[in-house]
Amino acid sequence: MNQKDNNTEKTAQDSSAEVHEIEKAESAAKQKDSSDDDGKKEDNKVKSGKKEQKMESNDQNTELEKFFTDAIQDIYYAEAAIEQSLAKIKSKATSEELQEAIEDHELVTKKQILRLEKVFKHLGEEPKKKKCDAIDGILKEVDEMVKSTKDGSMTRDVAIIIGAQKVEHYEIATYGGLLQIAITLGYDKIADLLETTLDEEEETDHLLTEIAEEHVNFEAKEE
């Protein structure tokens, strides 16, 4: 065999080796793709399982979720009772400024009730009231305080302001606690609704303090 034949044979061997390497590489790539596909399928199964587990967990409410729903029913009852109380008490205030503040808060309370109905909707529940002994007790005390004062006096306005602030502080404590629970449970939309109401309650409390400090308390002192 001459040198030319040797070179031809060597070239053929090299080409055959290159083809073999290419086929080997393609086979490895196919195995990797198959392995990746199997891995993705397994990941999807895991994710699907977790999703189903989470949905099952939502169907079986935790004790905290049940407590939260009960508490919303409680404050829903309370807001309705407060609305009725404000409607009665606004005509008993002496100063025009206090009358306007009570009327404004009556309107705000109506909005807060509607807001709570949105909360029920987000919870997938029908609006339902749960008797609230705490607010019934506070409102009864407010009524007795007002009755113990003279009609048309600034002392009666003092009693109305103190009574109204007792109600406000109960609401502030309740909404503040419910807001934190909503955040803990990941109820973002509900948390936004509760925070809006909490801000309103705090503003009303601050306004009542201003009315008392600016003139009502001083005028009552002169009676």
C-alpha atoms as a PDB file:
ATOM      1  CA  MET A   1       0.000   0.000   0.000  1.00  0.00           C
ATOM      2  CA  ASN A   2       1.426   3.294  -0.996  1.00  0.00           C
ATOM      3  CA  GLN A   3       1.425   6.485   1.025  1.00  0.00           C
ATOM      4  CA  LYS A   4      -1.635   7.847  -0.838  1.00  0.00           C
ATOM      5  CA  ASP A   5      -3.710   4.795   0.055  1.00  0.00           C
ATOM      6  CA  ASN A   6      -2.620   5.097   3.695  1.00  0.00           C
ATOM      7  CA  ASN A   7      -3.758   8.706   3.802  1.00  0.00           C
ATOM      8  CA  THR A   8      -7.114   7.840   2.242  1.00  0.00           C
ATOM      9  CA  GLU A   9      -7.710   5.056   4.776  1.00  0.00           C
ATOM     10  CA  LYS A  10      -6.739   7.352   7.671  1.00  0.00           C
ATOM     11  CA  THR A  11      -9.117  10.044   6.442  1.00  0.00           C
ATOM     12  CA  ALA A  12     -11.969   7.534   6.240  1.00  0.00           C
ATOM     13  CA  GLN A  13     -11.244   6.331   9.796  1.00  0.00           C
ATOM     14  CA  ASP A  14     -11.200   9.898  11.082  1.00  0.00           C
ATOM     15  CA  SER A  15     -14.522  10.644   9.405  1.00  0.00           C
ATOM     16  CA  SER A  16     -16.052   7.509  10.872  1.00  0.00           C
ATOM     17  CA  ALA A  17     -14.809   8.496  14.337  1.00  0.00           C
ATOM     18  CA  GLU A  18     -16.310  11.978  13.992  1.00  0.00           C
ATOM     19  CA  VAL A  19     -19.670  10.538  12.944  1.00  0.00           C
ATOM     20  CA  HIS A  20     -19.574   8.202  15.939  1.00  0.00           C
ATOM     21  CA  GLU A  21     -18.833  11.074  18.299  1.00  0.00           C
ATOM     22  CA  ILE A  22     -21.677  13.152  16.806  1.00  0.00           C
ATOM     23  CA  GLU A  23     -24.126  10.256  17.173  1.00  0.00           C
ATOM     24  CA  LYS A  24     -22.929   9.713  20.736  1.00  0.00           C
ATOM     25  CA  ALA A  25     -23.435  13.396  21.568  1.00  0.00           C
ATOM     26  CA  GLU A  26     -26.930  13.435  20.016  1.00  0.00           C
ATOM     27  CA  SER A  27     -27.884  10.329  21.984  1.00  0.00           C
ATOM     28  CA  ALA A  28     -26.693  11.919  25.228  1.00  0.00           C
ATOM     29  CA  ALA A  29     -28.651  15.099  24.458  1.00  0.00           C
ATOM     30  CA  LYS A  30     -31.824  13.079  23.842  1.00  0.00           C
ATOM     31  CA  GLN A  31     -31.355  11.241  27.153  1.00  0.00           C
ATOM     32  CA  LYS A  32     -30.851  14.576  28.944  1.00  0.00           C
ATOM     33  CA  ASP A  33     -33.996  16.059  27.351  1.00  0.00           C
ATOM     34  CA  SER A  34     -35.943  12.980  28.359  1.00  0.00           C
ATOM     35  CA  SER A  35     -34.583  13.209  31.886  1.00  0.00           C
ATOM     36  CA  ASP A  36     -35.452  16.916  32.048  1.00  0.00           C
ATOM     37  CA  ASP A  37     -38.978  16.193  30.843  1.00  0.00           C
ATOM     38  CA  ASP A  38     -39.380  13.511  33.504  1.00  0.00           C
ATOM     39  CA  GLY A  39     -38.090  15.959  36.105  1.00  0.00           C
ATOM     40  CA  LYS A  40     -40.512  18.660  34.991  1.00  0.00           C
ATOM     41  CA  LYS A  41     -43.390  16.184  35.105  1.00  0.00           C
ATOM     42  CA  GLU A  42     -42.396  15.179  38.629  1.00  0.00           C
ATOM     43  CA  ASP A  43     -42.155  18.839  39.706  1.00  0.00           C
ATOM     44  CA  ASN A  44     -45.598  19.480  38.254  1.00  0.00           C
ATOM     45  CA  LYS A  45     -46.977  16.515  40.177  1.00  0.00           C
ATOM     46  CA  VAL A  46     -45.467  17.858  43.408  1.00  0.00           C
ATOM     47  CA  LYS A  47     -46.810  21.358  42.753  1.00  0.00           C
ATOM     48  CA  SER A  48     -50.219  19.944  41.878  1.00  0.00           C
ATOM     49  CA  GLY A  49     -50.202  17.878  45.049  1.00  0.00           C
ATOM     50  CA  LYS A  50     -49.289  20.917  47.135  1.00  0.00           C
ATOM     51  CA  LYS A  51     -52.031  22.958  45.460  1.00  0.00           C
ATOM     52  CA  GLU A  52     -54.629  20.275  46.161  1.00  0.00           C
ATOM     53  CA  GLN A  53     -53.387  20.003  49.739  1.00  0.00           C
ATOM     54  CA  LYS A  54     -53.707  23.790  50.150  1.00  0.00           C
ATOM     55  CA  MET A  55     -57.243  23.774  48.708  1.00  0.00           C
ATOM     56  CA  GLU A  56     -58.173  20.948  51.055  1.00  0.00           C
ATOM     57  CA  SER A  57     -56.747  22.935  53.959  1.00  0.00           C
ATOM     58  CA  ASN A  58     -58.877  25.949  52.949  1.00  0.00           C
ATOM     59  CA  ASP A  59     -61.980  23.753  52.886  1.00  0.00           C
ATOM     60  CA  GLN A  60     -61.216  22.651  56.426  1.00  0.00           C
ATOM     61  CA  ASN A  61     -60.883  26.001  58.153  1.00  0.00           C
ATOM     62  CA  THR A  62     -58.376  26.326  60.959  1.00  0.00           C
ATOM     63  CA  GLU A  63     -59.427  27.391  64.434  1.00  0.00           C
ATOM     64  CA  LEU A  64     -58.035  30.877  63.793  1.00  0.00           C
ATOM     65  CA  GLU A  65     -60.061  31.224  60.574  1.00  0.00           C
ATOM     66  CA  LYS A  66     -63.217  30.145  62.410  1.00  0.00           C
ATOM     67  CA  PHE A  67     -62.475  32.600  65.216  1.00  0.00           C
ATOM     68  CA  PHE A  68     -61.943  35.358  62.652  1.00  0.00           C
ATOM     69  CA  THR A  69     -65.293  34.678  60.972  1.00  0.00           C
ATOM     70  CA  ASP A  70     -67.083  34.658  64.344  1.00  0.00           C
ATOM     71  CA  ALA A  71     -65.431  37.963  65.261  1.00  0.00           C
ATOM     72  CA  ILE A  72     -66.568  39.532  61.969  1.00  0.00           C
ATOM     73  CA  GLN A  73     -70.132  38.402  62.742  1.00  0.00           C
ATOM     74  CA  ASP A  74     -69.746  39.962  66.197  1.00  0.00           C
ATOM     75  CA  ILE A  75     -68.620  43.384  64.944  1.00  0.00           C
ATOM     76  CA  TYR A  76     -71.280  43.250  62.192  1.00  0.00           C
ATOM     77  CA  TYR A  77     -73.909  43.029  64.949  1.00  0.00           C
ATOM     78  CA  ALA A  78     -72.121  45.760  66.887  1.00  0.00           C
ATOM     79  CA  GLU A  79     -72.055  48.208  63.967  1.00  0.00           C
ATOM     80  CA  ALA A  80     -75.798  47.767  63.384  1.00  0.00           C
ATOM     81  CA  ALA A  81     -76.484  48.426  67.078  1.00  0.00           C
ATOM     82  CA  ILE A  82     -74.202  51.494  67.025  1.00  0.00           C
ATOM     83  CA  GLU A  83     -76.000  52.883  63.976  1.00  0.00           C
ATOM     84  CA  GLN A  84     -79.325  52.688  65.809  1.00  0.00           C
ATOM     85  CA  SER A  85     -77.831  54.319  68.906  1.00  0.00           C
ATOM     86  CA  LEU A  86     -76.346  57.211  66.909  1.00  0.00           C
ATOM     87  CA  ALA A  87     -79.708  57.852  65.229  1.00  0.00           C
ATOM     88  CA  LYS A  88     -81.314  58.275  68.655  1.00  0.00           C
ATOM     89  CA  ILE A  89     -78.575  60.186  70.420  1.00  0.00           C
ATOM     90  CA  LYS A  90     -77.801  62.852  67.786  1.00  0.00           C
ATOM     91  CA  SER A  91     -80.983  64.791  68.651  1.00  0.00           C
ATOM     92  CA  LYS A  92     -79.971  64.883  72.311  1.00  0.00           C
ATOM     93  CA  ALA A  93     -76.697  66.739  71.749  1.00  0.00           C
ATOM     94  CA  THR A  94     -76.754  70.429  72.656  1.00  0.00           C
ATOM     95  CA  SER A  95     -73.887  71.906  70.630  1.00  0.00           C
ATOM     96  CA  GLU A  96     -74.263  72.082  66.875  1.00  0.00           C
ATOM     97  CA  GLU A  97     -70.680  70.875  66.386  1.00  0.00           C
ATOM     98  CA  LEU A  98     -71.354  67.686  68.341  1.00  0.00           C
ATOM     99  CA  GLN A  99     -74.620  67.097  66.498  1.00  0.00           C
ATOM    100  CA  GLU A 100     -72.804  67.327  63.156  1.00  0.00           C
ATOM    101  CA  ALA A 101     -70.033  65.000  64.351  1.00  0.00           C
ATOM    102  CA  ILE A 102     -72.589  62.386  65.392  1.00  0.00           C
ATOM    103  CA  GLU A 103     -74.502  62.714  62.117  1.00  0.00           C
ATOM    104  CA  ASP A 104     -71.281  62.322  60.137  1.00  0.00           C
ATOM    105  CA  HIS A 105     -70.331  59.236  62.093  1.00  0.00           C
ATOM    106  CA  GLU A 106     -73.786  57.784  61.540  1.00  0.00           C
ATOM    107  CA  LEU A 107     -73.175  58.005  57.787  1.00  0.00           C
ATOM    108  CA  VAL A 108     -69.678  56.554  58.187  1.00  0.00           C
ATOM    109  CA  THR A 109     -71.114  53.664  60.213  1.00  0.00           C
ATOM    110  CA  LYS A 110     -73.499  52.827  57.352  1.00  0.00           C
ATOM    111  CA  LYS A 111     -70.478  52.632  55.034  1.00  0.00           C
ATOM    112  CA  GLN A 112     -68.631  50.449  57.535  1.00  0.00           C
ATOM    113  CA  ILE A 113     -71.540  48.015  57.600  1.00  0.00           C
ATOM    114  CA  LEU A 114     -71.408  47.757  53.801  1.00  0.00           C
ATOM    115  CA  ARG A 115     -67.657  47.258  54.056  1.00  0.00           C
ATOM    116  CA  LEU A 116     -68.153  44.353  56.454  1.00  0.00           C
ATOM    117  CA  GLU A 117     -70.554  42.800  53.956  1.00  0.00           C
ATOM    118  CA  LYS A 118     -67.696  42.912  51.440  1.00  0.00           C
ATOM    119  CA  VAL A 119     -65.539  41.112  54.017  1.00  0.00           C
ATOM    120  CA  PHE A 120     -68.152  38.355  54.256  1.00  0.00           C
ATOM    121  CA  LYS A 121     -68.110  38.094  50.462  1.00  0.00           C
ATOM    122  CA  HIS A 122     -64.323  37.657  50.419  1.00  0.00           C
ATOM    123  CA  LEU A 123     -64.693  34.960  53.076  1.00  0.00           C
ATOM    124  CA  GLY A 124     -67.315  33.193  50.979  1.00  0.00           C
ATOM    125  CA  GLU A 125     -69.868  33.650  53.758  1.00  0.00           C
ATOM    126  CA  GLU A 126     -73.342  35.184  53.933  1.00  0.00           C
ATOM    127  CA  PRO A 127     -73.532  38.293  56.165  1.00  0.00           C
ATOM    128  CA  LYS A 128     -74.571  37.115  59.602  1.00  0.00           C
ATOM    129  CA  LYS A 129     -74.855  38.828  62.979  1.00  0.00           C
ATOM    130  CA  LYS A 130     -73.636  37.271  66.189  1.00  0.00           C
ATOM    131  CA  LYS A 131     -74.965  38.857  69.373  1.00  0.00           C
ATOM    132  CA  CYS A 132     -72.327  41.067  70.953  1.00  0.00           C
ATOM    133  CA  ASP A 133     -72.892  41.386  74.699  1.00  0.00           C
ATOM    134  CA  ALA A 134     -69.990  43.830  74.992  1.00  0.00           C
ATOM    135  CA  ILE A 135     -71.474  46.501  72.727  1.00  0.00           C
ATOM    136  CA  ASP A 136     -74.950  45.974  74.181  1.00  0.00           C
ATOM    137  CA  GLY A 137     -73.498  46.677  77.624  1.00  0.00           C
ATOM    138  CA  ILE A 138     -71.614  49.781  76.478  1.00  0.00           C
ATOM    139  CA  LEU A 139     -74.619  51.238  74.658  1.00  0.00           C
ATOM    140  CA  LYS A 140     -76.834  50.625  77.680  1.00  0.00           C
ATOM    141  CA  GLU A 141     -74.339  52.471  79.855  1.00  0.00           C
ATOM    142  CA  VAL A 142     -74.202  55.377  77.365  1.00  0.00           C
ATOM    143  CA  ASP A 143     -77.984  55.629  77.404  1.00  0.00           C
ATOM    144  CA  GLU A 144     -78.016  55.745  81.212  1.00  0.00           C
ATOM    145  CA  MET A 145     -75.268  58.394  81.275  1.00  0.00           C
ATOM    146  CA  VAL A 146     -77.213  60.642  78.927  1.00  0.00           C
ATOM    147  CA  LYS A 147     -80.473  60.185  80.855  1.00  0.00           C
ATOM    148  CA  SER A 148     -78.720  61.186  84.103  1.00  0.00           C
ATOM    149  CA  THR A 149     -77.880  64.651  82.708  1.00  0.00           C
ATOM    150  CA  LYS A 150     -80.091  67.684  82.148  1.00  0.00           C
ATOM    151  CA  ASP A 151     -81.684  68.097  78.722  1.00  0.00           C
ATOM    152  CA  GLY A 152     -80.136  70.966  76.748  1.00  0.00           C
ATOM    153  CA  SER A 153     -77.069  71.212  78.992  1.00  0.00           C
ATOM    154  CA  MET A 154     -73.404  71.097  78.007  1.00  0.00           C
ATOM    155  CA  THR A 155     -72.930  68.507  80.726  1.00  0.00           C
ATOM    156  CA  ARG A 156     -75.117  66.238  78.632  1.00  0.00           C
ATOM    157  CA  ASP A 157     -72.758  66.847  75.697  1.00  0.00           C
ATOM    158  CA  VAL A 158     -69.870  65.807  77.947  1.00  0.00           C
ATOM    159  CA  ALA A 159     -71.726  62.580  78.737  1.00  0.00           C
ATOM    160  CA  ILE A 160     -72.456  61.966  75.045  1.00  0.00           C
ATOM    161  CA  ILE A 161     -68.800  62.495  74.096  1.00  0.00           C
ATOM    162  CA  ILE A 162     -67.500  60.166  76.803  1.00  0.00           C
ATOM    163  CA  GLY A 163     -70.092  57.553  75.890  1.00  0.00           C
ATOM    164  CA  ALA A 164     -69.311  57.840  72.191  1.00  0.00           C
ATOM    165  CA  GLN A 165     -65.587  57.477  72.878  1.00  0.00           C
ATOM    166  CA  LYS A 166     -66.203  54.326  74.896  1.00  0.00           C
ATOM    167  CA  VAL A 167     -67.866  52.923  71.795  1.00  0.00           C
ATOM    168  CA  GLU A 168     -65.018  54.161  69.579  1.00  0.00           C
ATOM    169  CA  HIS A 169     -62.363  52.591  71.774  1.00  0.00           C
ATOM    170  CA  TYR A 170     -64.179  49.254  71.661  1.00  0.00           C
ATOM    171  CA  GLU A 171     -64.284  49.471  67.862  1.00  0.00           C
ATOM    172  CA  ILE A 172     -60.639  50.535  67.609  1.00  0.00           C
ATOM    173  CA  ALA A 173     -59.552  47.574  69.749  1.00  0.00           C
ATOM    174  CA  THR A 174     -61.713  45.181  67.724  1.00  0.00           C
ATOM    175  CA  TYR A 175     -60.717  46.375  64.258  1.00  0.00           C
ATOM    176  CA  GLY A 176     -57.063  46.624  65.260  1.00  0.00           C
ATOM    177  CA  GLY A 177     -57.053  42.983  66.353  1.00  0.00           C
ATOM    178  CA  LEU A 178     -59.014  41.782  63.319  1.00  0.00           C
ATOM    179  CA  LEU A 179     -56.648  43.637  60.994  1.00  0.00           C
ATOM    180  CA  GLN A 180     -53.633  41.797  62.384  1.00  0.00           C
ATOM    181  CA  ILE A 181     -55.393  38.433  62.097  1.00  0.00           C
ATOM    182  CA  ALA A 182     -56.317  39.183  58.467  1.00  0.00           C
ATOM    183  CA  ILE A 183     -52.672  39.993  57.727  1.00  0.00           C
ATOM    184  CA  THR A 184     -51.544  36.761  59.430  1.00  0.00           C
ATOM    185  CA  LEU A 185     -54.010  34.684  57.396  1.00  0.00           C
ATOM    186  CA  GLY A 186     -52.965  36.366  54.148  1.00  0.00           C
ATOM    187  CA  TYR A 187     -56.360  37.992  53.601  1.00  0.00           C
ATOM    188  CA  ASP A 188     -54.902  41.067  51.882  1.00  0.00           C
ATOM    189  CA  LYS A 189     -58.140  42.506  50.473  1.00  0.00           C
ATOM    190  CA  ILE A 190     -59.929  42.019  53.786  1.00  0.00           C
ATOM    191  CA  ALA A 191     -57.026  43.656  55.609  1.00  0.00           C
ATOM    192  CA  ASP A 192     -57.351  46.733  53.379  1.00  0.00           C
ATOM    193  CA  LEU A 193     -61.062  47.001  54.186  1.00  0.00           C
ATOM    194  CA  LEU A 194     -60.493  46.660  57.919  1.00  0.00           C
ATOM    195  CA  GLU A 195     -57.656  49.165  57.898  1.00  0.00           C
ATOM    196  CA  THR A 196     -59.890  51.766  56.232  1.00  0.00           C
ATOM    197  CA  THR A 197     -62.496  51.326  58.957  1.00  0.00           C
ATOM    198  CA  LEU A 198     -59.867  51.430  61.701  1.00  0.00           C
ATOM    199  CA  ASP A 199     -58.572  54.758  60.363  1.00  0.00           C
ATOM    200  CA  GLU A 200     -62.105  56.161  60.392  1.00  0.00           C
ATOM    201  CA  GLU A 201     -62.678  55.095  63.991  1.00  0.00           C
ATOM    202  CA  GLU A 202     -59.458  56.714  65.109  1.00  0.00           C
ATOM    203  CA  GLU A 203     -60.331  59.945  63.281  1.00  0.00           C
ATOM    204  CA  THR A 204     -63.746  60.062  64.965  1.00  0.00           C
ATOM    205  CA  ASP A 205     -62.211  59.509  68.380  1.00  0.00           C
ATOM    206  CA  HIS A 206     -59.742  62.333  67.751  1.00  0.00           C
ATOM    207  CA  LEU A 207     -62.549  64.670  66.611  1.00  0.00           C
ATOM    208  CA  LEU A 208     -64.599  63.979  69.748  1.00  0.00           C
ATOM    209  CA  THR A 209     -61.573  64.791  71.897  1.00  0.00           C
ATOM    210  CA  GLU A 210     -61.117  68.094  70.059  1.00  0.00           C
ATOM    211  CA  ILE A 211     -64.755  69.080  70.567  1.00  0.00           C
ATOM    212  CA  ALA A 212     -64.528  68.329  74.283  1.00  0.00           C
ATOM    213  CA  GLU A 213     -61.227  70.136  74.811  1.00  0.00           C
ATOM    214  CA  GLU A 214     -62.007  73.220  72.721  1.00  0.00           C
ATOM    215  CA  HIS A 215     -65.265  74.269  74.378  1.00  0.00           C
ATOM    216  CA  VAL A 216     -67.717  71.633  75.643  1.00  0.00           C
ATOM    217  CA  ASN A 217     -65.873  70.814  78.865  1.00  0.00           C
ATOM    218  CA  PHE A 218     -65.282  74.487  79.657  1.00  0.00           C
ATOM    219  CA  GLU A 219     -68.916  75.470  79.012  1.00  0.00           C
ATOM    220  CA  ALA A 220     -70.136  72.547  81.116  1.00  0.00           C
ATOM    221  CA  LYS A 221     -67.922  73.767  83.964  1.00  0.00           C
ATOM    222  CA  GLU A 222     -69.766  77.128  83.968  1.00  0.00           C
ATOM    223  CA  GLU A 223     -73.234  75.584  84.303  1.00  0.00           C
END
